[in-house]
């Protein structure tokens, strides 16, 4: 009997070791109560993920010790689901760089939701991807000796006008390659609760599994292109609004050795993450983001 119990424990531990370790990080604005009642947005997502097989889920928030992103916590995480909005400037640079470092090393993947386009880890990772893309654009013979200037003049939490030069942007100035880094912004938004109409552009992509070809979010905030980010490796979803705007609402990138997914829907005053389709997107994205670690 003792030997059997030891074997059973070993089998259970092996299965548990293969679970995808998910951390859902939420800024937790009071306004979220308008849509999520007694729970916060991140808690609602986590509650759904906890019910899915193969996922081990924890939550964290901005006001936790070390902002919920201690080295020990990050080292015990495969996929970080990140939601923020109004307190981006409160995000501790050292803790956010700890996230960036692990993604670049392939120890962590990041899923940024809605207004987390401004999250410091997402912006920094997009800037690192922009550097990689820029290096590929210059003649191969010049890459090893190239002189670089990185321009980062777009402050956090400030939008751009429709005619603003698109970033990232690469130019040669004398013998220096000047890269204007992206700040992951866009020129138009409208929080009027009008429906968003999504099209699944890549139905065979793992993130699109189980999603219909077209589907709606009854109430959402509009974001309008152009989105100032490096060209995605793939655009899984496109979103349109009845007034004519559109947005690349589900984008994936390889950044360093890690994976990044941006999903646009998710404004805090609309119950978007009570809807089956957005929750399915997040679940699928978690599995996709962790897949390279579990092969």
Protein backbone atom coordinates (compact mmCIF):
# COMPACT_ATOMS: atom_id res chain seq x y z
CA UNK A 1 0.00 0.00 0.00
CA UNK A 2 2.80 2.41 0.88
CA UNK A 3 4.49 1.82 -2.47
CA UNK A 4 1.18 2.41 -4.24
CA UNK A 5 0.66 5.72 -2.45
CA UNK A 6 4.19 6.82 -3.33
CA UNK A 7 3.51 5.98 -6.98
CA UNK A 8 0.16 7.77 -6.91
CA UNK A 9 1.77 10.87 -5.41
CA UNK A 10 4.47 10.81 -8.07
CA UNK A 11 1.89 10.57 -10.86
CA UNK A 12 -0.17 13.41 -9.36
CA UNK A 13 2.90 15.59 -8.95
CA UNK A 14 3.88 14.95 -12.56
CA UNK A 15 0.46 15.99 -13.83
CA UNK A 16 0.46 19.06 -11.61
CA UNK A 17 3.92 20.02 -12.84
CA UNK A 18 2.52 20.21 -16.37
CA UNK A 19 -0.22 22.66 -15.40
CA UNK A 20 0.13 26.09 -16.95
CA UNK A 21 0.82 28.54 -14.13
CA UNK A 22 -1.22 31.69 -14.76
CA UNK A 23 -1.07 34.99 -12.91
CA UNK A 24 -3.93 37.43 -13.57
CA UNK A 25 -2.76 40.95 -12.68
CA UNK A 26 -5.33 43.70 -12.26
CA UNK A 27 -5.05 47.36 -11.37
CA UNK A 28 -8.53 47.06 -9.79
CA UNK A 29 -10.28 50.38 -10.38
CA UNK A 30 -13.43 50.99 -8.32
CA UNK A 31 -15.23 51.62 -11.63
CA UNK A 32 -15.00 47.91 -12.39
CA UNK A 33 -17.83 47.38 -9.88
CA UNK A 34 -20.23 48.89 -12.45
CA UNK A 35 -19.80 45.81 -14.61
CA UNK A 36 -18.52 43.12 -12.25
CA UNK A 37 -20.43 43.70 -9.01
CA UNK A 38 -18.57 42.46 -5.97
CA UNK A 39 -15.71 41.02 -8.03
CA UNK A 40 -13.02 42.85 -9.93
CA UNK A 41 -12.36 42.35 -13.62
CA UNK A 42 -9.22 40.29 -13.02
CA UNK A 43 -10.95 38.14 -10.42
CA UNK A 44 -13.71 37.39 -12.92
CA UNK A 45 -11.20 36.25 -15.52
CA UNK A 46 -9.33 34.18 -12.93
CA UNK A 47 -12.54 32.51 -11.75
CA UNK A 48 -13.21 31.37 -15.31
CA UNK A 49 -9.68 30.14 -15.88
CA UNK A 50 -9.67 28.22 -12.60
CA UNK A 51 -12.49 26.04 -13.94
CA UNK A 52 -10.50 25.00 -17.01
CA UNK A 53 -8.34 21.85 -17.02
CA UNK A 54 -4.59 22.14 -16.91
CA UNK A 55 -4.45 25.65 -15.51
CA UNK A 56 -3.15 26.72 -12.10
CA UNK A 57 -4.37 30.28 -11.52
CA UNK A 58 -3.46 33.05 -9.08
CA UNK A 59 -4.31 36.74 -8.91
CA UNK A 60 -2.32 39.85 -8.08
CA UNK A 61 -2.94 43.59 -8.00
CA UNK A 62 -1.08 46.86 -8.13
CA UNK A 63 -1.43 47.51 -4.39
CA UNK A 64 0.07 44.17 -3.32
CA UNK A 65 3.56 44.00 -1.89
CA UNK A 66 6.06 44.42 -4.75
CA UNK A 67 2.97 45.14 -6.84
CA UNK A 68 2.23 41.41 -6.87
CA UNK A 69 5.22 40.80 -9.14
CA UNK A 70 8.00 39.65 -6.84
CA UNK A 71 10.82 37.60 -8.34
CA UNK A 72 9.48 34.50 -6.60
CA UNK A 73 6.00 35.07 -8.01
CA UNK A 74 7.26 35.67 -11.53
CA UNK A 75 9.53 32.62 -11.36
CA UNK A 76 6.45 30.55 -10.51
CA UNK A 77 4.45 31.92 -13.47
CA UNK A 78 4.28 30.77 -17.10
CA UNK A 79 1.76 33.31 -18.40
CA UNK A 80 1.00 36.78 -17.04
CA UNK A 81 -2.45 38.17 -17.94
CA UNK A 82 -2.22 41.94 -17.45
CA UNK A 83 -4.98 44.53 -17.12
CA UNK A 84 -4.46 48.20 -16.24
CA UNK A 85 -5.82 51.62 -17.09
CA UNK A 86 -5.51 54.77 -15.01
CA UNK A 87 -2.48 54.09 -12.79
CA UNK A 88 0.12 53.24 -15.38
CA UNK A 89 2.56 55.78 -13.95
CA UNK A 90 2.33 53.99 -10.58
CA UNK A 91 3.77 50.81 -12.07
CA UNK A 92 7.18 50.28 -10.53
CA UNK A 93 9.87 50.31 -13.22
CA UNK A 94 11.98 47.64 -11.54
CA UNK A 95 9.05 45.23 -11.18
CA UNK A 96 7.95 45.83 -14.75
CA UNK A 97 11.46 45.32 -16.06
CA UNK A 98 11.54 42.02 -14.18
CA UNK A 99 8.57 40.98 -16.34
CA UNK A 100 10.28 42.18 -19.53
CA UNK A 101 13.49 40.32 -18.70
CA UNK A 102 11.69 37.03 -18.21
CA UNK A 103 9.72 37.35 -21.43
CA UNK A 104 12.89 38.08 -23.41
CA UNK A 105 14.51 35.03 -21.83
CA UNK A 106 11.56 32.79 -22.67
CA UNK A 107 10.67 32.18 -19.03
CA UNK A 108 7.34 34.03 -19.22
CA UNK A 109 4.73 35.12 -21.75
CA UNK A 110 2.52 38.21 -21.56
CA UNK A 111 -1.15 38.71 -22.43
CA UNK A 112 -2.07 42.41 -22.41
CA UNK A 113 -5.77 43.26 -22.26
CA UNK A 114 -7.45 46.44 -23.56
CA UNK A 115 -5.91 49.54 -21.94
CA UNK A 116 -2.84 47.49 -21.04
CA UNK A 117 -1.55 48.74 -24.40
CA UNK A 118 -0.08 51.36 -22.06
CA UNK A 119 1.23 48.86 -19.53
CA UNK A 120 4.93 49.40 -19.00
CA UNK A 121 5.83 45.74 -19.70
CA UNK A 122 3.86 45.73 -22.96
CA UNK A 123 5.32 49.03 -24.17
CA UNK A 124 8.85 47.94 -23.30
CA UNK A 125 8.44 44.60 -25.04
CA UNK A 126 7.09 46.30 -28.15
CA UNK A 127 10.11 48.58 -28.08
CA UNK A 128 12.44 45.61 -27.83
CA UNK A 129 10.65 43.96 -30.74
CA UNK A 130 11.01 47.21 -32.71
CA UNK A 131 14.77 47.08 -32.17
CA UNK A 132 14.91 43.52 -33.48
CA UNK A 133 12.84 44.45 -36.53
CA UNK A 134 14.98 47.52 -37.20
CA UNK A 135 18.19 45.50 -37.15
CA UNK A 136 16.77 43.25 -39.88
CA UNK A 137 16.03 46.29 -42.06
CA UNK A 138 19.60 47.49 -42.38
CA UNK A 139 22.15 45.84 -44.73
CA UNK A 140 23.50 42.65 -43.23
CA UNK A 141 27.09 43.78 -43.69
CA UNK A 142 26.45 46.84 -41.49
CA UNK A 143 24.63 45.17 -38.61
CA UNK A 144 27.58 44.31 -36.41
CA UNK A 145 29.08 47.81 -36.53
CA UNK A 146 25.91 49.89 -36.79
CA UNK A 147 25.58 52.95 -34.56
CA UNK A 148 22.14 53.38 -33.02
CA UNK A 149 20.09 56.20 -31.53
CA UNK A 150 16.84 55.25 -29.84
CA UNK A 151 14.29 58.06 -29.60
CA UNK A 152 11.60 57.72 -26.96
CA UNK A 153 9.80 61.06 -26.83
CA UNK A 154 6.19 59.90 -26.39
CA UNK A 155 5.21 60.06 -22.69
CA UNK A 156 3.07 57.41 -21.06
CA UNK A 157 -0.66 58.03 -21.02
CA UNK A 158 -0.70 60.58 -23.83
CA UNK A 159 -2.40 59.92 -27.15
CA UNK A 160 -1.39 60.95 -30.66
CA UNK A 161 -3.17 62.82 -33.45
CA UNK A 162 -4.37 61.06 -36.57
CA UNK A 163 -1.63 62.67 -38.68
CA UNK A 164 1.20 61.89 -36.26
CA UNK A 165 4.13 59.99 -37.81
CA UNK A 166 3.67 56.29 -37.33
CA UNK A 167 5.99 54.54 -34.88
CA UNK A 168 8.21 52.61 -34.76
CA UNK A 169 10.11 54.50 -37.45
CA UNK A 170 13.65 53.92 -38.70
CA UNK A 171 15.79 56.54 -40.44
CA UNK A 172 19.46 56.94 -41.24
CA UNK A 173 21.00 60.22 -40.09
CA UNK A 174 24.57 60.44 -41.29
CA UNK A 175 26.28 57.30 -40.02
CA UNK A 176 23.68 56.70 -37.27
CA UNK A 177 20.52 54.62 -37.46
CA UNK A 178 17.79 56.49 -35.59
CA UNK A 179 14.89 54.37 -34.34
CA UNK A 180 11.85 56.18 -32.97
CA UNK A 181 10.39 53.69 -30.53
CA UNK A 182 6.67 52.88 -30.39
CA UNK A 183 4.60 53.98 -27.43
CA UNK A 184 1.66 51.73 -28.31
CA UNK A 185 -0.94 54.47 -28.77
CA UNK A 186 -3.58 55.33 -31.37
CA UNK A 187 -5.39 58.53 -32.39
CA UNK A 188 -9.04 57.76 -31.61
CA UNK A 189 -11.15 56.23 -28.85
CA UNK A 190 -14.78 56.49 -27.85
CA UNK A 191 -16.22 55.02 -24.63
CA UNK A 192 -19.86 55.18 -25.69
CA UNK A 193 -20.69 51.50 -25.27
CA UNK A 194 -21.42 50.97 -28.97
CA UNK A 195 -21.09 47.33 -30.10
CA UNK A 196 -17.87 46.03 -31.58
CA UNK A 197 -18.06 43.56 -34.46
CA UNK A 198 -15.20 41.07 -34.53
CA UNK A 199 -14.00 38.94 -37.40
CA UNK A 200 -11.83 35.90 -36.80
CA UNK A 201 -9.15 36.38 -39.45
CA UNK A 202 -7.16 33.24 -38.64
CA UNK A 203 -9.67 30.52 -37.72
CA UNK A 204 -6.92 27.86 -37.59
CA UNK A 205 -4.84 29.78 -35.05
CA UNK A 206 -4.87 28.23 -31.55
CA UNK A 207 -6.14 31.50 -30.06
CA UNK A 208 -9.20 31.31 -32.37
CA UNK A 209 -10.17 27.77 -31.37
CA UNK A 210 -13.93 27.52 -30.81
CA UNK A 211 -14.59 31.12 -31.88
CA UNK A 212 -17.12 31.88 -34.64
CA UNK A 213 -16.14 33.57 -37.89
CA UNK A 214 -17.98 36.73 -36.81
CA UNK A 215 -19.06 37.70 -33.32
CA UNK A 216 -20.12 40.83 -31.48
CA UNK A 217 -19.40 42.46 -28.15
CA UNK A 218 -22.65 44.26 -27.26
CA UNK A 219 -21.03 47.08 -25.27
CA UNK A 220 -17.44 48.17 -25.61
CA UNK A 221 -15.11 51.11 -26.03
CA UNK A 222 -13.84 51.94 -29.52
CA UNK A 223 -10.15 52.21 -30.38
CA UNK A 224 -9.29 53.50 -33.87
CA UNK A 225 -6.25 52.69 -36.00
CA UNK A 226 -3.43 53.25 -36.61
CA UNK A 227 -2.05 51.36 -33.62
CA UNK A 228 1.56 52.42 -33.04
CA UNK A 229 3.17 49.01 -32.55
CA UNK A 230 5.61 46.87 -34.54
CA UNK A 231 3.95 44.82 -37.28
CA UNK A 232 2.42 41.78 -35.56
CA UNK A 233 3.53 38.30 -36.55
CA UNK A 234 -0.16 37.49 -36.93
CA UNK A 235 -3.46 39.34 -36.53
CA UNK A 236 -6.03 36.86 -35.24
CA UNK A 237 -9.02 39.21 -34.83
CA UNK A 238 -10.13 42.44 -36.46
CA UNK A 239 -12.79 44.65 -34.90
CA UNK A 240 -15.07 47.20 -36.59
CA UNK A 241 -17.67 49.69 -35.43
CA UNK A 242 -20.82 50.99 -37.10
CA UNK A 243 -19.33 54.51 -37.42
CA UNK A 244 -16.53 53.15 -39.61
CA UNK A 245 -13.55 52.66 -37.29
CA UNK A 246 -11.52 49.47 -37.21
CA UNK A 247 -8.73 47.99 -35.08
CA UNK A 248 -6.38 45.01 -35.07
CA UNK A 249 -7.94 43.58 -31.94
CA UNK A 250 -5.97 40.36 -31.49
CA UNK A 251 -2.24 40.52 -32.28
CA UNK A 252 0.64 38.17 -31.54
CA UNK A 253 4.39 38.70 -31.46
CA UNK A 254 7.47 36.69 -30.66
CA UNK A 255 9.64 38.98 -28.51
CA UNK A 256 13.03 37.58 -27.66
CA UNK A 257 12.30 33.99 -26.67
CA UNK A 258 8.84 34.74 -25.25
CA UNK A 259 5.36 35.30 -26.62
CA UNK A 260 3.09 38.35 -26.39
CA UNK A 261 -0.61 38.62 -27.21
CA UNK A 262 -2.65 41.83 -27.21
CA UNK A 263 -6.46 41.60 -27.01
CA UNK A 264 -8.25 44.93 -27.41
CA UNK A 265 -11.73 44.45 -25.85
CA UNK A 266 -12.11 44.90 -22.10
CA UNK A 267 -13.18 48.36 -20.90
CA UNK A 268 -13.81 48.20 -17.14
CA UNK A 269 -17.37 49.59 -17.10
CA UNK A 270 -18.76 47.05 -19.56
CA UNK A 271 -19.15 43.33 -18.63
CA UNK A 272 -16.98 42.10 -21.49
CA UNK A 273 -15.34 39.37 -19.45
CA UNK A 274 -18.69 37.95 -18.47
CA UNK A 275 -19.18 37.06 -22.14
CA UNK A 276 -18.21 33.59 -23.35
CA UNK A 277 -16.22 34.65 -26.42
CA UNK A 278 -13.73 37.05 -24.77
CA UNK A 279 -13.20 34.54 -21.97
CA UNK A 280 -12.52 31.84 -24.55
CA UNK A 281 -9.99 34.13 -26.23
CA UNK A 282 -8.12 34.62 -22.95
CA UNK A 283 -8.14 30.89 -22.18
CA UNK A 284 -6.92 30.04 -25.67
CA UNK A 285 -4.26 32.74 -25.48
CA UNK A 286 -2.97 31.37 -22.17
CA UNK A 287 -2.54 27.93 -23.70
CA UNK A 288 -0.91 29.36 -26.85
CA UNK A 289 1.39 31.60 -24.82
CA UNK A 290 2.61 28.70 -22.69
CA UNK A 291 2.81 26.10 -25.44
CA UNK A 292 6.48 26.74 -26.29
CA UNK A 293 7.40 25.98 -22.67
CA UNK A 294 5.40 22.75 -22.52
CA UNK A 295 6.51 21.07 -25.73
